[in-house]
Structure formats: structure tokens, C-alpha cells
């Protein structure tokens, strides 16, 4: 639950920073040199929407075990990590990673890539805990159903 609250706040801060610097986002994301210029605003929009969905959901329902916002968070985290890794491997100079738009800018470096990796670890933790909770709930439902049917069989005798 605490992880979801923290990540919800981070996602909303990222989305807010990117929205506040929307005019500069195509230039920032263009430094990664992965898409034609016309597609870069769409990438920026997809990232912001994903971050908003995750942030709002994680803060509004931190105990939720629904996987949809976790998958959205994973997709956003994978996108940022993929952008960073490919640019770093290609030796591109990215002065601002863009995670918070023009705010809290960081030059693309191994430290930024480590932050991206940590976000992916958090995604794996949330996926695992959601799946585990779902399995526990399913087992409890089966036990309840089994107990109900055995009580019913005793009554029928």
C-alpha cells in the first residue's frame, strides 16, 4: 500500500511536470531520436495519460489489487527505460531525461538508468503482490464454497 501511495505521487508529479512544460516535451523527447517528429507529441501524450491513470488510481485506491493500473504503470516505466537505454547505448547526448518535463531535469546517465530499473522492480513487486492476493482470494472463495456445500449436504441428510 505504501509503495502505491509513493508511486502514485511520483506519477502525478511526473505528469504535472510534463503538462506544465507541454510546449517543450516534443523537443525533450526528440532528443531520444526514436520517432519521427510528428509522432513525438503522441508519445508525450501517451506517457502523460499513463502517468495520470497510475497516479490517480494508486492514490485513490492504494489497497486495490486490480492489475490494470499496475500494467499501465509497467508500460510507462518500460517506455521511459527503453528510451533511456537505447539513447545511452547509442551514445546520444540527452541533457534532460524529461521525466518531470523541464523540472528536476537530469542528464541521461547510468544513475537515471538505475532509477528506471528501480521503477521496473517496483512494477514487478506490484504485479507479484496483486497476483498473490488474487490467488489467496480465490483459494478462500473455494474454501467458503466447499464449506457451504458440505453444510448444505449435512442439512439434506
Protein backbone atom coordinates (compact mmCIF):
# COMPACT_ATOMS: atom_id res chain seq x y z
CA UNK A 1 0.00 0.00 0.00
CA UNK A 2 2.79 2.46 0.89
CA UNK A 3 4.56 1.69 -2.39
CA UNK A 4 1.40 2.51 -4.34
CA UNK A 5 0.97 5.82 -2.50
CA UNK A 6 4.57 6.84 -3.14
CA UNK A 7 4.46 5.78 -6.79
CA UNK A 8 1.08 7.45 -7.23
CA UNK A 9 2.55 10.74 -6.01
CA UNK A 10 5.61 10.31 -8.25
CA UNK A 11 3.45 9.52 -11.30
CA UNK A 12 1.24 12.55 -10.69
CA UNK A 13 4.31 14.76 -10.21
CA UNK A 14 5.76 13.45 -13.47
CA UNK A 15 2.53 14.07 -15.34
CA UNK A 16 2.16 17.55 -13.81
CA UNK A 17 5.72 18.50 -14.75
CA UNK A 18 5.25 17.26 -18.29
CA UNK A 19 1.90 19.02 -18.68
CA UNK A 20 3.33 22.27 -17.28
CA UNK A 21 6.10 22.08 -19.86
CA UNK A 22 3.98 20.62 -22.66
CA UNK A 23 5.39 23.00 -25.30
CA UNK A 24 8.91 21.68 -24.62
CA UNK A 25 8.05 17.96 -24.41
CA UNK A 26 8.46 17.28 -28.17
CA UNK A 27 11.95 18.80 -28.01
CA UNK A 28 12.82 16.87 -24.83
CA UNK A 29 11.56 13.51 -26.17
CA UNK A 30 13.01 14.30 -29.61
CA UNK A 31 16.49 14.09 -28.07
CA UNK A 32 15.96 10.32 -27.74
CA UNK A 33 15.76 10.15 -31.56
CA UNK A 34 13.38 7.18 -31.81
CA UNK A 35 10.31 8.56 -33.58
CA UNK A 36 9.57 10.94 -36.42
CA UNK A 37 8.92 14.48 -35.18
CA UNK A 38 5.19 14.18 -35.94
CA UNK A 39 4.84 11.16 -33.63
CA UNK A 40 6.70 12.61 -30.64
CA UNK A 41 3.69 14.60 -29.28
CA UNK A 42 1.67 11.36 -29.37
CA UNK A 43 4.35 9.63 -27.31
CA UNK A 44 4.32 12.52 -24.85
CA UNK A 45 0.53 12.32 -24.61
CA UNK A 46 0.58 8.56 -24.06
CA UNK A 47 3.17 8.90 -21.29
CA UNK A 48 1.21 11.68 -19.55
CA UNK A 49 -2.10 9.79 -19.77
CA UNK A 50 -0.47 6.63 -18.42
CA UNK A 51 1.12 8.54 -15.55
CA UNK A 52 -2.16 10.27 -14.71
CA UNK A 53 -4.09 6.97 -14.69
CA UNK A 54 -1.50 5.32 -12.45
CA UNK A 55 -1.14 8.29 -10.13
CA UNK A 56 -4.83 8.85 -9.59
CA UNK A 57 -5.60 5.14 -9.19
CA UNK A 58 -2.73 4.42 -6.81
CA UNK A 59 -3.62 7.41 -4.61
CA UNK A 60 -7.39 6.93 -4.71
CA UNK A 61 -7.29 3.16 -4.17
CA UNK A 62 -3.93 2.21 -2.64
CA UNK A 63 -5.23 -1.13 -1.33
CA UNK A 64 -6.70 -2.15 -4.69
CA UNK A 65 -5.33 -5.35 -6.19
CA UNK A 66 -6.68 -4.56 -9.67
CA UNK A 67 -3.95 -5.17 -12.22
CA UNK A 68 -4.96 -2.62 -14.91
CA UNK A 69 -3.24 0.40 -13.29
CA UNK A 70 -0.22 -1.75 -12.46
CA UNK A 71 0.08 -2.78 -16.11
CA UNK A 72 -0.28 0.89 -17.14
CA UNK A 73 2.48 1.79 -14.67
CA UNK A 74 4.62 -1.04 -16.06
CA UNK A 75 4.09 0.16 -19.63
CA UNK A 76 5.03 3.75 -18.74
CA UNK A 77 8.09 2.56 -16.81
CA UNK A 78 9.14 0.30 -19.70
CA UNK A 79 8.74 3.17 -22.16
CA UNK A 80 10.97 5.50 -20.11
CA UNK A 81 13.52 2.73 -19.55
CA UNK A 82 13.58 1.79 -23.25
CA UNK A 83 14.02 5.42 -24.26
CA UNK A 84 16.91 5.81 -21.85
CA UNK A 85 18.69 2.55 -22.58
CA UNK A 86 18.60 2.91 -26.35
CA UNK A 87 19.84 6.51 -26.18
CA UNK A 88 22.62 5.59 -23.75
CA UNK A 89 23.74 2.61 -25.85
CA UNK A 90 23.75 4.76 -28.99
CA UNK A 91 25.80 7.42 -27.20
CA UNK A 92 23.19 10.15 -27.64
CA UNK A 93 23.55 13.23 -25.52
CA UNK A 94 20.28 13.76 -23.65
CA UNK A 95 20.55 16.82 -21.42
CA UNK A 96 17.14 16.34 -19.80
CA UNK A 97 15.63 12.89 -19.35
CA UNK A 98 12.18 14.54 -19.42
CA UNK A 99 10.60 12.54 -16.60
CA UNK A 100 9.34 15.74 -14.97
CA UNK A 101 9.28 17.85 -18.11
CA UNK A 102 11.60 20.84 -17.70
CA UNK A 103 11.54 20.45 -13.93
CA UNK A 104 14.05 18.39 -11.94
CA UNK A 105 15.96 17.75 -15.15
CA UNK A 106 18.71 15.16 -15.15
CA UNK A 107 21.24 14.39 -17.83
CA UNK A 108 20.84 10.83 -19.11
CA UNK A 109 23.39 8.80 -17.18
CA UNK A 110 23.81 5.40 -15.51
CA UNK A 111 22.12 6.94 -12.44
CA UNK A 112 18.98 7.74 -14.45
CA UNK A 113 19.03 4.24 -15.94
CA UNK A 114 19.30 2.80 -12.42
CA UNK A 115 16.25 4.86 -11.41
CA UNK A 116 14.36 3.44 -14.41
CA UNK A 117 15.41 -0.08 -13.42
CA UNK A 118 14.19 0.52 -9.88
CA UNK A 119 10.80 1.62 -11.21
CA UNK A 120 10.63 -1.67 -13.12
CA UNK A 121 11.48 -3.60 -9.95
CA UNK A 122 8.59 -1.80 -8.24
CA UNK A 123 6.33 -2.83 -11.13
CA UNK A 124 7.34 -6.46 -10.68
CA UNK A 125 6.68 -6.24 -6.93
CA UNK A 126 3.19 -4.82 -7.51
CA UNK A 127 2.35 -7.42 -10.16
CA UNK A 128 3.53 -10.23 -7.91
CA UNK A 129 1.61 -8.97 -4.88
CA UNK A 130 -1.57 -8.45 -6.92
CA UNK A 131 -1.36 -11.94 -8.37
CA UNK A 132 -0.63 -13.44 -4.97
CA UNK A 133 -3.60 -11.61 -3.40
CA UNK A 134 -5.80 -12.83 -6.23
CA UNK A 135 -4.68 -16.44 -5.64
CA UNK A 136 -5.29 -16.15 -1.89
CA UNK A 137 -8.73 -14.66 -2.51
CA UNK A 138 -9.59 -17.42 -4.99
CA UNK A 139 -8.48 -20.12 -2.55
CA UNK A 140 -10.55 -18.52 0.23
CA UNK A 141 -13.57 -18.36 -2.07
CA UNK A 142 -13.13 -22.04 -2.93
CA UNK A 143 -12.85 -22.94 0.76
CA UNK A 144 -16.00 -20.96 1.52
CA UNK A 145 -17.84 -22.64 -1.34
CA UNK A 146 -16.66 -26.07 -0.17
CA UNK A 147 -17.76 -25.33 3.40
CA UNK A 148 -21.13 -24.06 2.20
CA UNK A 149 -21.72 -27.15 0.10
CA UNK A 150 -20.73 -29.51 2.94
CA UNK A 151 -23.13 -27.68 5.31
CA UNK A 152 -25.81 -27.98 2.66
CA UNK A 153 -25.13 -31.73 2.30
CA UNK A 154 -25.46 -32.19 6.08
CA UNK A 155 -28.80 -30.38 6.06
CA UNK A 156 -30.03 -32.51 3.20
CA UNK A 157 -29.41 -35.75 5.13
